[in-house]
């Protein structure tokens, strides 16, 4: 029978313990040991609440490995929790890695990572409990420039279209003027080549 000892103590820390992230952004949290007594076994029982979900948990590469306890399939994590027993063949050192958790932010709001019931480390047959808040993270809506881009595109399109229309009208005016000038010049040349007879030389029939 295991005895759970509840007292002010520490078993695990996180880095970072706080931060600002955008919706749909993924970020990693490093778990490290912070034991106040010598131990070779540790129970991670972490809960995630708020606007996020656990994407993955990678345990440390210890000789005796890690055993998932989230469900009957021995999963080490779910969307809202990390639950794994870590065992080592020698004492767990302070600051030693206890694995890496990857979290994905969903909607704007907050994400809180807490140490839930059962979290702690073993000293003999005693579980030294470690509960409380591990980290708090602020999630803001991802900024989008789609509307501004569309506005700029429409403005540029309208400006370009208007400019092209003006250029076409100018070209049409120039072409029309050239045609008129050419026609007048042809008439002048014809008139000069075939002058009318003078009245003095006009002999009626």
N, C-alpha and C. Protein backbone atom coordinates (compact mmCIF):
# COMPACT_ATOMS: atom_id res chain seq x y z
N UNK A 1 0.85 -1.20 0.00
CA UNK A 1 0.00 0.00 0.00
C UNK A 1 0.87 1.24 0.00
N UNK A 2 0.59 2.13 -0.94
CA UNK A 2 1.34 3.38 -1.06
C UNK A 2 0.77 4.43 -0.12
N UNK A 3 1.66 5.16 0.52
CA UNK A 3 1.25 6.26 1.39
C UNK A 3 1.54 7.57 0.67
N UNK A 4 0.52 8.40 0.55
CA UNK A 4 0.69 9.70 -0.10
C UNK A 4 0.96 10.74 0.96
N UNK A 5 2.09 11.41 0.83
CA UNK A 5 2.48 12.42 1.79
C UNK A 5 2.26 13.79 1.19
N UNK A 6 1.34 14.55 1.76
CA UNK A 6 1.05 15.90 1.27
C UNK A 6 1.78 16.91 2.14
N UNK A 7 2.67 17.64 1.52
CA UNK A 7 3.45 18.65 2.23
C UNK A 7 3.99 19.63 1.19
N UNK A 8 4.34 20.84 1.61
CA UNK A 8 4.90 21.79 0.66
C UNK A 8 6.19 21.24 0.06
N UNK A 9 6.15 20.89 -1.20
CA UNK A 9 7.31 20.30 -1.84
C UNK A 9 7.24 20.56 -3.34
N UNK A 10 8.28 20.16 -4.05
CA UNK A 10 8.33 20.33 -5.49
C UNK A 10 8.82 19.03 -6.11
N UNK A 11 8.29 18.72 -7.26
CA UNK A 11 8.76 17.56 -8.00
C UNK A 11 9.10 17.91 -9.44
N UNK A 12 8.38 18.88 -10.00
CA UNK A 12 8.57 19.22 -11.41
C UNK A 12 8.40 20.72 -11.62
N UNK A 13 9.20 21.25 -12.51
CA UNK A 13 9.09 22.64 -12.95
C UNK A 13 8.92 22.67 -14.46
N UNK A 14 8.53 23.83 -14.98
CA UNK A 14 8.38 23.98 -16.43
C UNK A 14 9.13 25.21 -16.91
N UNK A 15 9.52 25.15 -18.16
CA UNK A 15 10.16 26.30 -18.81
C UNK A 15 9.68 26.34 -20.27
N UNK A 16 8.98 27.41 -20.67
CA UNK A 16 8.64 28.60 -19.86
C UNK A 16 7.40 28.34 -19.00
N UNK A 17 7.29 29.14 -17.94
CA UNK A 17 6.13 29.04 -17.05
C UNK A 17 5.03 30.00 -17.46
N UNK A 18 5.32 30.87 -18.40
CA UNK A 18 4.32 31.79 -18.92
C UNK A 18 4.76 32.26 -20.30
N UNK A 19 3.83 32.84 -21.03
CA UNK A 19 4.16 33.32 -22.37
C UNK A 19 2.92 33.76 -23.12
N UNK A 20 3.15 34.42 -24.24
CA UNK A 20 2.07 34.90 -25.11
C UNK A 20 2.17 34.21 -26.46
N UNK A 21 1.06 33.66 -26.90
CA UNK A 21 1.04 32.93 -28.15
C UNK A 21 -0.22 33.28 -28.95
N UNK A 22 -0.21 32.92 -30.22
CA UNK A 22 -1.34 33.20 -31.10
C UNK A 22 -2.18 31.95 -31.31
N UNK A 23 -3.43 32.14 -31.71
CA UNK A 23 -4.29 31.00 -31.99
C UNK A 23 -3.69 30.14 -33.10
N UNK A 24 -3.83 28.84 -32.95
CA UNK A 24 -3.30 27.83 -33.88
C UNK A 24 -1.79 27.68 -33.80
N UNK A 25 -1.14 28.40 -32.89
CA UNK A 25 0.31 28.28 -32.75
C UNK A 25 0.65 27.12 -31.82
N UNK A 26 1.72 26.39 -32.16
CA UNK A 26 2.20 25.31 -31.31
C UNK A 26 3.46 25.77 -30.57
N UNK A 27 3.56 25.39 -29.31
CA UNK A 27 4.75 25.75 -28.53
C UNK A 27 5.10 24.59 -27.60
N UNK A 28 6.36 24.53 -27.20
CA UNK A 28 6.85 23.42 -26.38
C UNK A 28 7.15 23.89 -24.97
N UNK A 29 6.94 22.98 -24.03
CA UNK A 29 7.23 23.24 -22.61
C UNK A 29 8.18 22.15 -22.13
N UNK A 30 9.30 22.57 -21.57
CA UNK A 30 10.28 21.63 -21.04
C UNK A 30 10.00 21.35 -19.57
N UNK A 31 9.89 20.07 -19.22
CA UNK A 31 9.66 19.66 -17.84
C UNK A 31 11.00 19.28 -17.21
N UNK A 32 11.27 19.76 -16.03
CA UNK A 32 12.52 19.44 -15.33
C UNK A 32 12.22 19.02 -13.90
N UNK A 33 13.10 18.17 -13.37
CA UNK A 33 12.94 17.67 -12.00
C UNK A 33 13.37 18.73 -10.99
N UNK A 34 12.62 18.79 -9.89
CA UNK A 34 12.95 19.71 -8.80
C UNK A 34 12.64 19.03 -7.47
N UNK A 35 13.25 17.87 -7.28
CA UNK A 35 12.98 17.06 -6.11
C UNK A 35 13.72 17.60 -4.88
N UNK A 36 13.05 17.51 -3.75
CA UNK A 36 13.68 17.93 -2.50
C UNK A 36 14.23 16.74 -1.72
N UNK A 37 13.97 15.53 -2.21
CA UNK A 37 14.51 14.32 -1.60
C UNK A 37 15.00 13.39 -2.70
N UNK A 38 15.88 12.47 -2.34
CA UNK A 38 16.41 11.52 -3.32
C UNK A 38 15.33 10.53 -3.74
N UNK A 39 15.21 10.35 -5.06
CA UNK A 39 14.21 9.42 -5.58
C UNK A 39 14.64 8.91 -6.94
N UNK A 40 14.16 7.72 -7.26
CA UNK A 40 14.43 7.14 -8.58
C UNK A 40 13.15 6.96 -9.40
N UNK A 41 12.03 7.37 -8.85
CA UNK A 41 10.74 7.20 -9.54
C UNK A 41 9.88 8.44 -9.35
N UNK A 42 9.18 8.80 -10.42
CA UNK A 42 8.36 10.01 -10.38
C UNK A 42 7.08 9.78 -11.16
N UNK A 43 5.99 10.29 -10.64
CA UNK A 43 4.69 10.21 -11.32
C UNK A 43 4.32 11.59 -11.85
N UNK A 44 4.21 11.69 -13.16
CA UNK A 44 3.75 12.94 -13.77
C UNK A 44 2.25 12.85 -13.98
N UNK A 45 1.53 13.79 -13.37
CA UNK A 45 0.08 13.87 -13.54
C UNK A 45 -0.25 15.34 -13.78
N UNK A 46 -0.28 15.72 -15.03
CA UNK A 46 -0.49 17.12 -15.39
C UNK A 46 -1.83 17.28 -16.10
N UNK A 47 -2.48 18.41 -15.84
CA UNK A 47 -3.78 18.70 -16.47
C UNK A 47 -3.70 20.02 -17.21
N UNK A 48 -4.27 20.04 -18.39
CA UNK A 48 -4.31 21.25 -19.22
C UNK A 48 -5.75 21.74 -19.31
N UNK A 49 -5.97 22.99 -18.97
CA UNK A 49 -7.30 23.59 -19.08
C UNK A 49 -7.21 24.88 -19.88
N UNK A 50 -8.34 25.30 -20.43
CA UNK A 50 -8.37 26.54 -21.20
C UNK A 50 -8.35 26.30 -22.70
N UNK A 51 -7.84 27.28 -23.42
CA UNK A 51 -7.93 27.29 -24.89
C UNK A 51 -6.73 26.63 -25.56
N UNK A 52 -6.52 25.35 -25.26
CA UNK A 52 -5.42 24.64 -25.88
C UNK A 52 -5.56 23.14 -25.71
N UNK A 53 -4.65 22.40 -26.34
CA UNK A 53 -4.65 20.95 -26.22
C UNK A 53 -3.22 20.42 -26.33
N UNK A 54 -2.98 19.29 -25.68
CA UNK A 54 -1.68 18.64 -25.75
C UNK A 54 -1.56 17.94 -27.10
N UNK A 55 -0.50 18.24 -27.82
CA UNK A 55 -0.26 17.62 -29.12
C UNK A 55 0.63 16.40 -28.99
N UNK A 56 1.62 16.49 -28.07
CA UNK A 56 2.52 15.35 -27.88
C UNK A 56 3.26 15.48 -26.56
N UNK A 57 3.77 14.35 -26.10
CA UNK A 57 4.67 14.33 -24.94
C UNK A 57 5.81 13.38 -25.27
N UNK A 58 7.05 13.86 -25.13
CA UNK A 58 8.23 13.05 -25.39
C UNK A 58 8.95 12.82 -24.07
N UNK A 59 9.03 11.57 -23.59
CA UNK A 59 9.66 11.30 -22.30
C UNK A 59 11.19 11.35 -22.39
N UNK A 60 11.85 11.43 -21.24
CA UNK A 60 13.32 11.39 -21.25
C UNK A 60 13.80 9.98 -21.62
N UNK A 61 15.02 9.90 -22.13
CA UNK A 61 15.57 8.60 -22.55
C UNK A 61 16.25 7.92 -21.36
N UNK A 62 15.45 7.48 -20.41
CA UNK A 62 15.98 6.78 -19.25
C UNK A 62 16.05 5.27 -19.51
N UNK A 63 16.97 4.61 -18.80
CA UNK A 63 17.18 3.18 -19.02
C UNK A 63 15.92 2.36 -18.76
N UNK A 64 15.24 2.68 -17.68
CA UNK A 64 14.05 1.91 -17.33
C UNK A 64 12.79 2.44 -18.01
N UNK A 65 12.93 3.52 -18.75
CA UNK A 65 11.85 4.01 -19.58
C UNK A 65 10.71 4.68 -18.85
N UNK A 66 9.58 4.77 -19.56
CA UNK A 66 8.40 5.47 -19.06
C UNK A 66 7.17 4.63 -19.36
N UNK A 67 6.20 4.70 -18.47
CA UNK A 67 4.97 3.93 -18.64
C UNK A 67 3.78 4.88 -18.61
N UNK A 68 3.03 4.91 -19.71
CA UNK A 68 1.84 5.75 -19.76
C UNK A 68 0.73 5.18 -18.91
N UNK A 69 0.02 6.06 -18.23
CA UNK A 69 -1.06 5.62 -17.33
C UNK A 69 -2.38 6.34 -17.60
N UNK A 70 -2.50 6.99 -18.75
CA UNK A 70 -3.72 7.75 -19.03
C UNK A 70 -4.93 6.85 -19.21
N UNK A 71 -4.71 5.67 -19.82
CA UNK A 71 -5.82 4.75 -20.05
C UNK A 71 -5.28 3.33 -20.17
N UNK A 72 -6.14 2.42 -20.57
CA UNK A 72 -5.74 1.02 -20.67
C UNK A 72 -4.74 0.75 -21.79
N UNK A 73 -4.60 1.69 -22.71
CA UNK A 73 -3.64 1.52 -23.81
C UNK A 73 -2.26 2.05 -23.43
N UNK A 74 -2.12 2.50 -22.19
CA UNK A 74 -0.86 3.05 -21.68
C UNK A 74 -0.43 4.31 -22.43
N UNK A 75 -1.41 5.09 -22.81
CA UNK A 75 -1.10 6.38 -23.45
C UNK A 75 -0.44 7.30 -22.42
N UNK A 76 0.53 8.06 -22.88
CA UNK A 76 1.25 8.97 -21.99
C UNK A 76 0.61 10.35 -21.92
N UNK A 77 -0.31 10.61 -22.85
CA UNK A 77 -0.98 11.91 -22.83
C UNK A 77 -2.32 11.81 -23.54
N UNK A 78 -3.19 12.75 -23.21
CA UNK A 78 -4.44 12.96 -23.93
C UNK A 78 -4.47 14.43 -24.33
N UNK A 79 -5.56 14.86 -24.92
CA UNK A 79 -5.66 16.27 -25.33
C UNK A 79 -5.58 17.21 -24.14
N UNK A 80 -5.94 16.73 -22.95
CA UNK A 80 -6.00 17.61 -21.78
C UNK A 80 -5.14 17.13 -20.62
N UNK A 81 -4.23 16.18 -20.85
CA UNK A 81 -3.45 15.69 -19.71
C UNK A 81 -2.16 15.01 -20.15
N UNK A 82 -1.24 14.92 -19.19
CA UNK A 82 -0.03 14.11 -19.32
C UNK A 82 -0.01 13.20 -18.10
N UNK A 83 0.08 11.89 -18.32
CA UNK A 83 0.04 10.94 -17.21
C UNK A 83 1.02 9.81 -17.50
N UNK A 84 2.15 9.82 -16.80
CA UNK A 84 3.20 8.85 -17.08
C UNK A 84 4.03 8.62 -15.82
N UNK A 85 4.46 7.38 -15.63
CA UNK A 85 5.37 7.02 -14.53
C UNK A 85 6.78 6.91 -15.09
N UNK A 86 7.71 7.62 -14.48
CA UNK A 86 9.10 7.62 -14.92
C UNK A 86 9.95 6.92 -13.85
N UNK A 87 10.79 5.99 -14.30
CA UNK A 87 11.64 5.23 -13.38
C UNK A 87 13.07 5.24 -13.91
N UNK A 88 14.00 5.46 -12.98
CA UNK A 88 15.41 5.53 -13.34
C UNK A 88 16.21 4.60 -12.43
N UNK A 89 17.35 4.10 -12.93
CA UNK A 89 18.13 3.17 -12.11
C UNK A 89 19.09 3.87 -11.15
N UNK A 90 19.02 5.20 -11.13
CA UNK A 90 19.78 5.97 -10.15
C UNK A 90 18.99 7.22 -9.80
N UNK A 91 19.46 7.97 -8.83
CA UNK A 91 18.71 9.12 -8.33
C UNK A 91 18.45 10.14 -9.43
N UNK A 92 17.24 10.68 -9.42
CA UNK A 92 16.88 11.73 -10.37
C UNK A 92 17.51 13.04 -9.90
N UNK A 93 18.27 13.67 -10.78
CA UNK A 93 18.98 14.89 -10.40
C UNK A 93 18.09 16.11 -10.56
N UNK A 94 18.30 17.09 -9.70
CA UNK A 94 17.57 18.35 -9.82
C UNK A 94 17.95 19.02 -11.13
N UNK A 95 16.96 19.46 -11.88
CA UNK A 95 17.20 20.09 -13.16
C UNK A 95 17.23 19.13 -14.33
N UNK A 96 17.15 17.84 -14.03
CA UNK A 96 17.17 16.83 -15.09
C UNK A 96 15.85 16.86 -15.87
N UNK A 97 15.94 16.61 -17.16
CA UNK A 97 14.75 16.65 -18.01
C UNK A 97 13.78 15.53 -17.67
N UNK A 98 12.51 15.89 -17.60
CA UNK A 98 11.44 14.92 -17.40
C UNK A 98 10.58 14.79 -18.66
N UNK A 99 11.08 15.35 -19.74
CA UNK A 99 10.36 15.26 -21.00
C UNK A 99 9.94 16.61 -21.54
N UNK A 100 9.32 16.57 -22.70
CA UNK A 100 8.88 17.79 -23.40
C UNK A 100 7.42 17.64 -23.80
N UNK A 101 6.64 18.66 -23.49
CA UNK A 101 5.22 18.68 -23.85
C UNK A 101 5.01 19.71 -24.96
N UNK A 102 4.32 19.30 -26.02
CA UNK A 102 3.97 20.25 -27.09
C UNK A 102 2.48 20.56 -26.98
N UNK A 103 2.18 21.86 -26.98
CA UNK A 103 0.81 22.32 -26.83
C UNK A 103 0.41 23.15 -28.05
N UNK A 104 -0.84 23.01 -28.45
CA UNK A 104 -1.37 23.83 -29.54
C UNK A 104 -2.44 24.76 -29.00
N UNK A 105 -2.24 26.06 -29.24
CA UNK A 105 -3.25 27.05 -28.84
C UNK A 105 -4.43 26.97 -29.80
N UNK A 106 -5.64 27.12 -29.25
CA UNK A 106 -6.84 27.04 -30.08
C UNK A 106 -7.50 28.41 -30.22
N UNK A 107 -8.31 28.77 -29.26
CA UNK A 107 -8.99 30.06 -29.32
C UNK A 107 -8.32 31.06 -28.39
N UNK A 108 -8.67 32.34 -28.56
CA UNK A 108 -8.12 33.39 -27.70
C UNK A 108 -8.58 33.17 -26.26
N UNK A 109 -7.68 33.42 -25.33
CA UNK A 109 -7.99 33.21 -23.92
C UNK A 109 -6.74 32.81 -23.17
N UNK A 110 -6.88 31.91 -22.21
CA UNK A 110 -5.75 31.45 -21.40
C UNK A 110 -5.63 29.94 -21.43
N UNK A 111 -4.40 29.46 -21.25
CA UNK A 111 -4.12 28.04 -21.07
C UNK A 111 -3.42 27.90 -19.72
N UNK A 112 -3.90 26.98 -18.90
CA UNK A 112 -3.31 26.76 -17.58
C UNK A 112 -2.87 25.30 -17.47
N UNK A 113 -1.61 25.10 -17.09
CA UNK A 113 -1.06 23.77 -16.87
C UNK A 113 -0.88 23.57 -15.37
N UNK A 114 -1.54 22.57 -14.82
CA UNK A 114 -1.49 22.33 -13.38
C UNK A 114 -1.01 20.92 -13.07
N UNK A 115 -0.49 20.77 -11.85
CA UNK A 115 -0.09 19.46 -11.33
C UNK A 115 -1.30 18.88 -10.59
N UNK A 116 -1.86 17.83 -11.13
CA UNK A 116 -3.10 17.29 -10.57
C UNK A 116 -2.82 16.22 -9.53
N UNK A 117 -3.90 15.63 -9.00
CA UNK A 117 -3.77 14.60 -7.97
C UNK A 117 -2.93 13.43 -8.47
N UNK A 118 -2.03 12.96 -7.63
CA UNK A 118 -1.17 11.85 -7.98
C UNK A 118 0.19 12.28 -8.49
N UNK A 119 0.35 13.57 -8.77
CA UNK A 119 1.64 14.07 -9.23
C UNK A 119 2.61 14.11 -8.05
N UNK A 120 3.80 13.59 -8.24
CA UNK A 120 4.79 13.59 -7.17
C UNK A 120 5.87 12.56 -7.43
N UNK A 121 6.73 12.33 -6.44
CA UNK A 121 7.79 11.36 -6.58
C UNK A 121 7.80 10.41 -5.38
N UNK A 122 8.43 9.26 -5.59
CA UNK A 122 8.42 8.22 -4.57
C UNK A 122 9.69 8.26 -3.72
N UNK A 123 9.49 8.17 -2.42
CA UNK A 123 10.58 7.98 -1.47
C UNK A 123 10.22 6.73 -0.67
N UNK A 124 10.81 5.61 -1.05
CA UNK A 124 10.40 4.34 -0.46
C UNK A 124 9.01 3.99 -0.94
N UNK A 125 8.10 3.79 0.00
CA UNK A 125 6.71 3.51 -0.34
C UNK A 125 5.83 4.74 -0.19
N UNK A 126 6.44 5.88 -0.05
CA UNK A 126 5.70 7.12 0.16
C UNK A 126 5.73 7.97 -1.10
N UNK A 127 4.56 8.44 -1.55
CA UNK A 127 4.48 9.36 -2.67
C UNK A 127 4.46 10.78 -2.11
N UNK A 128 5.49 11.51 -2.41
CA UNK A 128 5.56 12.91 -1.98
C UNK A 128 4.81 13.74 -3.01
N UNK A 129 3.61 14.20 -2.65
CA UNK A 129 2.73 14.87 -3.60
C UNK A 129 3.23 16.27 -3.94
N UNK A 130 2.99 16.65 -5.17
CA UNK A 130 3.35 17.99 -5.66
C UNK A 130 2.21 18.48 -6.54
N UNK A 131 1.41 19.39 -6.03
CA UNK A 131 0.27 19.92 -6.78
C UNK A 131 0.38 21.43 -6.90
N UNK A 132 -0.48 22.00 -7.73
CA UNK A 132 -0.49 23.45 -7.92
C UNK A 132 -0.33 23.82 -9.39
N UNK A 133 -0.25 25.10 -9.65
CA UNK A 133 -0.14 25.60 -11.02
C UNK A 133 1.31 25.58 -11.50
N UNK A 134 1.50 25.04 -12.68
CA UNK A 134 2.84 25.00 -13.28
C UNK A 134 3.07 26.17 -14.22
N UNK A 135 2.10 26.46 -15.07
CA UNK A 135 2.28 27.53 -16.05
C UNK A 135 0.97 28.11 -16.52
N UNK A 136 1.03 29.39 -16.89
CA UNK A 136 -0.15 30.09 -17.42
C UNK A 136 0.27 30.81 -18.70
N UNK A 137 -0.51 30.62 -19.75
CA UNK A 137 -0.14 31.15 -21.06
C UNK A 137 -1.32 31.90 -21.67
N UNK A 138 -1.01 33.05 -22.25
CA UNK A 138 -2.04 33.92 -22.84
C UNK A 138 -2.10 33.69 -24.34
N UNK A 139 -3.32 33.48 -24.83
CA UNK A 139 -3.52 33.24 -26.26
C UNK A 139 -4.31 34.40 -26.86
N UNK A 140 -3.77 35.00 -27.89
CA UNK A 140 -4.45 36.09 -28.59
C UNK A 140 -4.79 35.65 -30.01
N UNK A 141 -5.81 36.27 -30.55
CA UNK A 141 -6.23 35.94 -31.92
C UNK A 141 -5.14 36.31 -32.90
N UNK A 142 -4.84 35.41 -33.80
CA UNK A 142 -3.81 35.67 -34.81
C UNK A 142 -4.25 36.80 -35.72
N UNK A 143 -3.37 37.77 -35.92
CA UNK A 143 -3.69 38.90 -36.79
C UNK A 143 -3.71 38.43 -38.23
N UNK A 144 -4.59 39.04 -39.02
CA UNK A 144 -4.68 38.69 -40.43
C UNK A 144 -4.69 39.96 -41.26
N UNK A 145 -3.95 39.92 -42.36
CA UNK A 145 -3.88 41.07 -43.27
C UNK A 145 -4.73 40.84 -44.50
N UNK A 146 -5.62 39.84 -44.44
CA UNK A 146 -6.42 39.49 -45.62
C UNK A 146 -7.27 40.65 -46.09
N UNK A 147 -7.96 41.31 -45.12
CA UNK A 147 -8.85 42.41 -45.49
C UNK A 147 -8.07 43.56 -46.09
N UNK A 148 -6.91 43.90 -45.44
CA UNK A 148 -6.10 44.99 -45.96
C UNK A 148 -5.57 44.64 -47.33
N UNK A 149 -5.17 43.38 -47.51
CA UNK A 149 -4.64 42.95 -48.80
C UNK A 149 -5.70 43.07 -49.88
N UNK A 150 -6.94 42.64 -49.56
CA UNK A 150 -8.02 42.75 -50.53
C UNK A 150 -8.31 44.19 -50.87
N UNK A 151 -8.28 45.07 -49.85
CA UNK A 151 -8.54 46.48 -50.08
C UNK A 151 -7.48 47.08 -50.98
N UNK A 152 -6.21 46.74 -50.69
CA UNK A 152 -5.12 47.26 -51.51
C UNK A 152 -5.22 46.72 -52.92
N UNK A 153 -5.60 45.44 -53.04
CA UNK A 153 -5.72 44.85 -54.37
C UNK A 153 -6.80 45.53 -55.17
N UNK A 154 -7.96 45.77 -54.51
CA UNK A 154 -9.06 46.45 -55.19
C UNK A 154 -8.66 47.85 -55.61
N UNK A 155 -7.96 48.56 -54.70
CA UNK A 155 -7.53 49.92 -55.00
C UNK A 155 -6.57 49.94 -56.17
N UNK A 156 -5.59 49.02 -56.13
CA UNK A 156 -4.62 48.96 -57.21
C UNK A 156 -5.28 48.57 -58.52
N UNK A 157 -6.25 47.64 -58.44
CA UNK A 157 -6.95 47.21 -59.65
C UNK A 157 -7.74 48.35 -60.26
N UNK A 158 -8.47 49.08 -59.38
CA UNK A 158 -9.27 50.20 -59.86
C UNK A 158 -8.38 51.29 -60.44
N UNK A 159 -7.27 51.57 -59.76
CA UNK A 159 -6.35 52.61 -60.23
C UNK A 159 -5.75 52.22 -61.57
N UNK A 160 -5.32 50.95 -61.66
CA UNK A 160 -4.73 50.47 -62.90
C UNK A 160 -5.75 50.46 -64.02
N UNK A 161 -6.98 50.03 -63.70
CA UNK A 161 -8.04 49.99 -64.71
C UNK A 161 -8.36 51.38 -65.22
N UNK A 162 -8.45 52.34 -64.28
CA UNK A 162 -8.74 53.72 -64.67
C UNK A 162 -7.64 54.30 -65.54
N UNK A 163 -6.39 53.98 -65.17
CA UNK A 163 -5.25 54.48 -65.94
C UNK A 163 -5.26 53.89 -67.34
N UNK A 164 -5.54 52.58 -67.44
CA UNK A 164 -5.59 51.94 -68.76
C UNK A 164 -6.69 52.53 -69.63
N UNK A 165 -7.85 52.84 -69.03
CA UNK A 165 -8.96 53.44 -69.77
C UNK A 165 -8.57 54.81 -70.31
N UNK A 166 -7.93 55.62 -69.46
CA UNK A 166 -7.48 56.96 -69.89
C UNK A 166 -6.49 56.84 -71.03
N UNK A 167 -5.55 55.90 -70.93
CA UNK A 167 -4.55 55.73 -71.98
C UNK A 167 -5.21 55.34 -73.29
N UNK A 168 -6.22 54.46 -73.22
CA UNK A 168 -6.91 54.04 -74.44
C UNK A 168 -7.65 55.20 -75.08
N UNK A 169 -8.28 56.04 -74.27
CA UNK A 169 -9.01 57.19 -74.80
C UNK A 169 -8.06 58.17 -75.48
N UNK A 170 -6.92 58.40 -74.84
CA UNK A 170 -5.93 59.32 -75.43
C UNK A 170 -5.44 58.77 -76.76
N UNK A 171 -5.15 57.45 -76.78
CA UNK A 171 -4.67 56.84 -78.01
C UNK A 171 -5.73 56.94 -79.11
N UNK A 172 -7.01 56.79 -78.74
CA UNK A 172 -8.10 56.89 -79.71
C UNK A 172 -8.19 58.30 -80.27
N UNK A 173 -8.07 59.30 -79.38
CA UNK A 173 -8.10 60.69 -79.84
C UNK A 173 -6.95 60.98 -80.81
N UNK A 174 -5.77 60.49 -80.47
CA UNK A 174 -4.60 60.73 -81.33
C UNK A 174 -4.80 60.07 -82.68
N UNK A 175 -5.32 58.83 -82.66
CA UNK A 175 -5.55 58.12 -83.91
C UNK A 175 -6.58 58.84 -84.76
N UNK A 176 -7.67 59.29 -84.15
CA UNK A 176 -8.72 60.00 -84.89
C UNK A 176 -8.17 61.28 -85.51
N UNK A 177 -7.37 62.00 -84.73
CA UNK A 177 -6.79 63.24 -85.24
C UNK A 177 -5.87 62.96 -86.42
N UNK A 178 -5.12 61.85 -86.32
CA UNK A 178 -4.21 61.50 -87.41
C UNK A 178 -4.98 61.17 -88.68
N UNK A 179 -6.09 60.44 -88.52
CA UNK A 179 -6.91 60.08 -89.68
C UNK A 179 -7.48 61.33 -90.34
N UNK A 180 -8.01 62.24 -89.52
CA UNK A 180 -8.59 63.47 -90.07
C UNK A 180 -7.53 64.28 -90.80
N UNK A 181 -6.37 64.39 -90.18
CA UNK A 181 -5.27 65.16 -90.80
C UNK A 181 -4.86 64.53 -92.13
N UNK A 182 -4.78 63.21 -92.16
CA UNK A 182 -4.39 62.52 -93.39
C UNK A 182 -5.40 62.74 -94.50
N UNK A 183 -6.68 62.65 -94.17
CA UNK A 183 -7.74 62.86 -95.16
C UNK A 183 -7.67 64.28 -95.72
N UNK A 184 -7.52 65.26 -94.84
CA UNK A 184 -7.43 66.65 -95.30
C UNK A 184 -6.22 66.85 -96.20
N UNK A 185 -5.11 66.21 -95.81
CA UNK A 185 -3.90 66.35 -96.62
C UNK A 185 -4.10 65.74 -98.00
N UNK A 186 -4.79 64.64 -98.09
CA UNK A 186 -5.07 64.01 -99.39
C UNK A 186 -5.92 64.92 -100.26
N UNK A 187 -6.94 65.53 -99.67
CA UNK A 187 -7.80 66.45 -100.42
C UNK A 187 -7.00 67.65 -100.92
N UNK A 188 -6.12 68.14 -100.10
CA UNK A 188 -5.30 69.30 -100.50
C UNK A 188 -4.41 68.93 -101.67
N UNK A 189 -3.78 67.74 -101.57
CA UNK A 189 -2.90 67.32 -102.66
C UNK A 189 -3.67 67.12 -103.95
N UNK A 190 -4.86 66.52 -103.86
CA UNK A 190 -5.68 66.33 -105.05
C UNK A 190 -6.08 67.68 -105.65
N UNK A 191 -6.42 68.60 -104.79
CA UNK A 191 -6.83 69.93 -105.25
C UNK A 191 -5.68 70.63 -105.95
N UNK A 192 -4.48 70.47 -105.38
CA UNK A 192 -3.31 71.13 -105.98
C UNK A 192 -2.92 70.47 -107.29
N UNK A 193 -3.13 69.19 -107.43
CA UNK A 193 -2.73 68.48 -108.64
C UNK A 193 -3.70 68.74 -109.78
N UNK A 194 -4.95 68.91 -109.48
CA UNK A 194 -5.95 69.17 -110.50
C UNK A 194 -6.64 70.50 -110.21
N UNK A 195 -5.98 71.61 -110.59
CA UNK A 195 -6.59 72.93 -110.34
C UNK A 195 -7.77 73.17 -111.28
N UNK A 196 -8.71 73.97 -110.84
CA UNK A 196 -9.87 74.30 -111.68
C UNK A 196 -9.47 75.28 -112.79
N UNK A 197 -10.16 75.19 -113.98
CA UNK A 197 -9.88 76.11 -115.09
C UNK A 197 -10.36 77.51 -114.75
N UNK A 198 -9.62 78.48 -115.22
CA UNK A 198 -10.02 79.87 -114.95
C UNK A 198 -11.20 80.25 -115.84
N UNK A 199 -11.88 81.29 -115.43
CA UNK A 199 -13.05 81.74 -116.18
C UNK A 199 -12.66 82.27 -117.55
N UNK A 200 -11.43 82.86 -117.70
CA UNK A 200 -11.02 83.45 -118.96
C UNK A 200 -10.89 82.39 -120.04
N UNK A 201 -10.43 81.22 -119.65
CA UNK A 201 -10.23 80.15 -120.63
C UNK A 201 -11.46 79.28 -120.82
N UNK A 202 -12.50 79.68 -120.17
CA UNK A 202 -13.71 78.86 -120.24
C UNK A 202 -14.45 79.17 -121.54
N UNK A 203 -14.65 78.19 -122.39
CA UNK A 203 -15.34 78.36 -123.66
C UNK A 203 -16.62 77.57 -123.59
N UNK A 204 -17.72 78.25 -123.63
CA UNK A 204 -19.00 77.52 -123.56
C UNK A 204 -19.22 76.74 -124.82
N UNK A 205 -19.93 75.70 -124.76
CA UNK A 205 -20.21 74.85 -125.93
C UNK A 205 -21.47 75.35 -126.61
